[in-house]
Amino acid sequence: QVQLVESGGGLVQAGGSLRLSCVASVSIFSISTMAWYRQVPGKQRELVAAITGGGTTNYVDSVKGRFTISRDNAKKTVYLQMNSLKPEDTAVYYCNWRSVVWGQGTQVTVSS
């Protein structure tokens, strides 16, 4: 059974940075597409960034140039480095494995 454990959320002022981590308990991590989504109350969950097993990345337009997704296959961990944070980035951030399994979510709050 695949499990994803996220960490790194918190409260930060606008313009600050946070790094989210997601550790996956899956044997085929290195060839798996991993992604970060976010959700605010009353809205649909939104894809923020994704990274394939080969390292190809894609981002939602609103975070391009500010967020970076990366992975460490030896640690079975995917990261989301978030810089120049804005209040509109406030959400619960979820790690996702192959569009199938979700983490528990970690709250990111950006104060103005």
Protein backbone atom coordinates (compact mmCIF):
# COMPACT_ATOMS: atom_id res chain seq x y z
CA GLN A 1 0.00 0.00 0.00
CA VAL A 2 1.40 3.37 -1.05
CA GLN A 3 1.63 6.02 1.62
CA LEU A 4 2.67 9.66 1.27
CA VAL A 5 3.76 11.74 4.25
CA GLU A 6 4.05 15.49 3.80
CA SER A 7 5.83 18.04 5.95
CA GLY A 8 7.06 21.61 5.81
CA GLY A 9 3.91 23.69 5.84
CA GLY A 10 3.42 26.63 8.15
CA LEU A 11 2.81 30.34 8.49
CA VAL A 12 4.99 32.77 6.59
CA GLN A 13 4.84 36.43 5.64
CA ALA A 14 4.34 37.51 2.06
CA GLY A 15 7.61 37.38 0.18
CA GLY A 16 8.91 34.55 2.32
CA SER A 17 9.79 30.96 1.47
CA LEU A 18 8.82 27.46 2.51
CA ARG A 19 9.89 24.03 1.37
CA LEU A 20 7.44 21.16 1.39
CA SER A 21 8.60 17.55 1.48
CA CYS A 22 6.74 14.35 0.67
CA VAL A 23 8.16 10.93 1.46
CA ALA A 24 6.65 8.04 -0.46
CA SER A 25 6.60 4.43 0.63
CA VAL A 26 6.58 2.90 -2.86
CA SER A 27 9.12 0.67 -4.58
CA ILE A 28 8.70 2.23 -8.02
CA PHE A 29 9.15 5.81 -6.86
CA SER A 30 11.96 6.56 -9.31
CA ILE A 31 9.75 5.99 -12.36
CA SER A 32 6.62 7.56 -10.92
CA THR A 33 5.18 10.94 -11.72
CA MET A 34 4.78 12.92 -8.53
CA ALA A 35 2.78 16.09 -8.09
CA TRP A 36 1.75 18.78 -5.66
CA TYR A 37 -1.82 20.06 -5.57
CA ARG A 38 -3.45 22.68 -3.40
CA GLN A 39 -6.97 23.38 -2.26
CA VAL A 40 -8.77 26.23 -0.54
CA PRO A 41 -12.21 25.84 1.03
CA GLY A 42 -15.00 25.96 -1.52
CA LYS A 43 -12.72 25.48 -4.51
CA GLN A 44 -11.55 22.49 -6.52
CA ARG A 45 -8.16 20.99 -5.88
CA GLU A 46 -5.62 22.59 -8.23
CA LEU A 47 -2.49 21.08 -9.75
CA VAL A 48 0.47 23.23 -8.72
CA ALA A 49 3.45 21.31 -10.09
CA ALA A 50 4.38 17.86 -11.34
CA ILE A 51 7.58 16.00 -12.09
CA THR A 52 7.97 12.82 -14.12
CA GLY A 53 10.35 9.98 -13.39
CA GLY A 54 12.65 11.46 -16.04
CA GLY A 55 12.65 14.86 -14.36
CA THR A 56 10.34 16.76 -16.70
CA THR A 57 8.43 19.40 -14.78
CA ASN A 58 5.36 21.49 -15.32
CA TYR A 59 3.73 24.24 -13.28
CA VAL A 60 0.50 26.13 -13.09
CA ASP A 61 1.02 29.60 -14.53
CA SER A 62 0.46 31.36 -11.21
CA VAL A 63 3.56 29.81 -9.62
CA LYS A 64 5.98 29.77 -12.55
CA GLY A 65 9.24 31.43 -11.61
CA ARG A 66 8.46 31.21 -7.89
CA PHE A 67 8.01 27.50 -7.14
CA THR A 68 10.35 24.62 -7.96
CA ILE A 69 9.48 20.94 -7.80
CA SER A 70 12.30 18.45 -7.44
CA ARG A 71 12.88 14.88 -6.39
CA ASP A 72 15.47 12.72 -4.65
CA ASN A 73 14.93 9.15 -5.78
CA ALA A 74 17.36 7.71 -3.23
CA LYS A 75 15.24 9.21 -0.44
CA LYS A 76 11.93 8.59 -2.25
CA THR A 77 11.11 12.21 -1.60
CA VAL A 78 9.60 14.98 -3.69
CA TYR A 79 10.02 18.61 -2.73
CA LEU A 80 8.25 21.86 -3.48
CA GLN A 81 10.40 24.93 -2.92
CA MET A 82 8.12 27.95 -2.68
CA ASN A 83 9.67 31.41 -2.91
CA SER A 84 8.16 34.89 -3.09
CA LEU A 85 5.03 33.58 -1.46
CA LYS A 86 1.80 35.54 -1.83
CA PRO A 87 -1.36 35.53 0.31
CA GLU A 88 -3.17 33.83 -2.59
CA ASP A 89 -0.84 30.84 -2.19
CA THR A 90 -2.57 30.09 1.11
CA ALA A 91 -4.06 26.59 0.87
CA VAL A 92 -3.73 23.01 2.00
CA TYR A 93 -1.04 21.42 -0.15
CA TYR A 94 -1.29 17.75 -1.08
CA CYS A 95 1.32 15.39 -2.45
CA ASN A 96 0.11 12.99 -5.12
CA TRP A 97 1.45 9.74 -6.57
CA ARG A 98 0.55 8.87 -10.17
CA SER A 99 -2.79 10.66 -9.85
CA VAL A 100 -3.96 7.85 -7.57
CA VAL A 101 -2.72 8.25 -4.00
CA TRP A 102 -2.90 11.39 -1.86
CA GLY A 103 -1.04 12.55 1.19
CA GLN A 104 -2.80 13.93 4.24
CA GLY A 105 -2.13 17.53 3.30
CA THR A 106 -0.11 20.29 4.91
CA GLN A 107 -1.38 23.81 5.57
CA VAL A 108 0.45 26.77 4.06
CA THR A 109 -0.64 30.19 5.26
CA VAL A 110 0.84 33.38 3.82
CA SER A 111 0.09 36.57 5.71
CA SER A 112 0.04 39.97 4.05
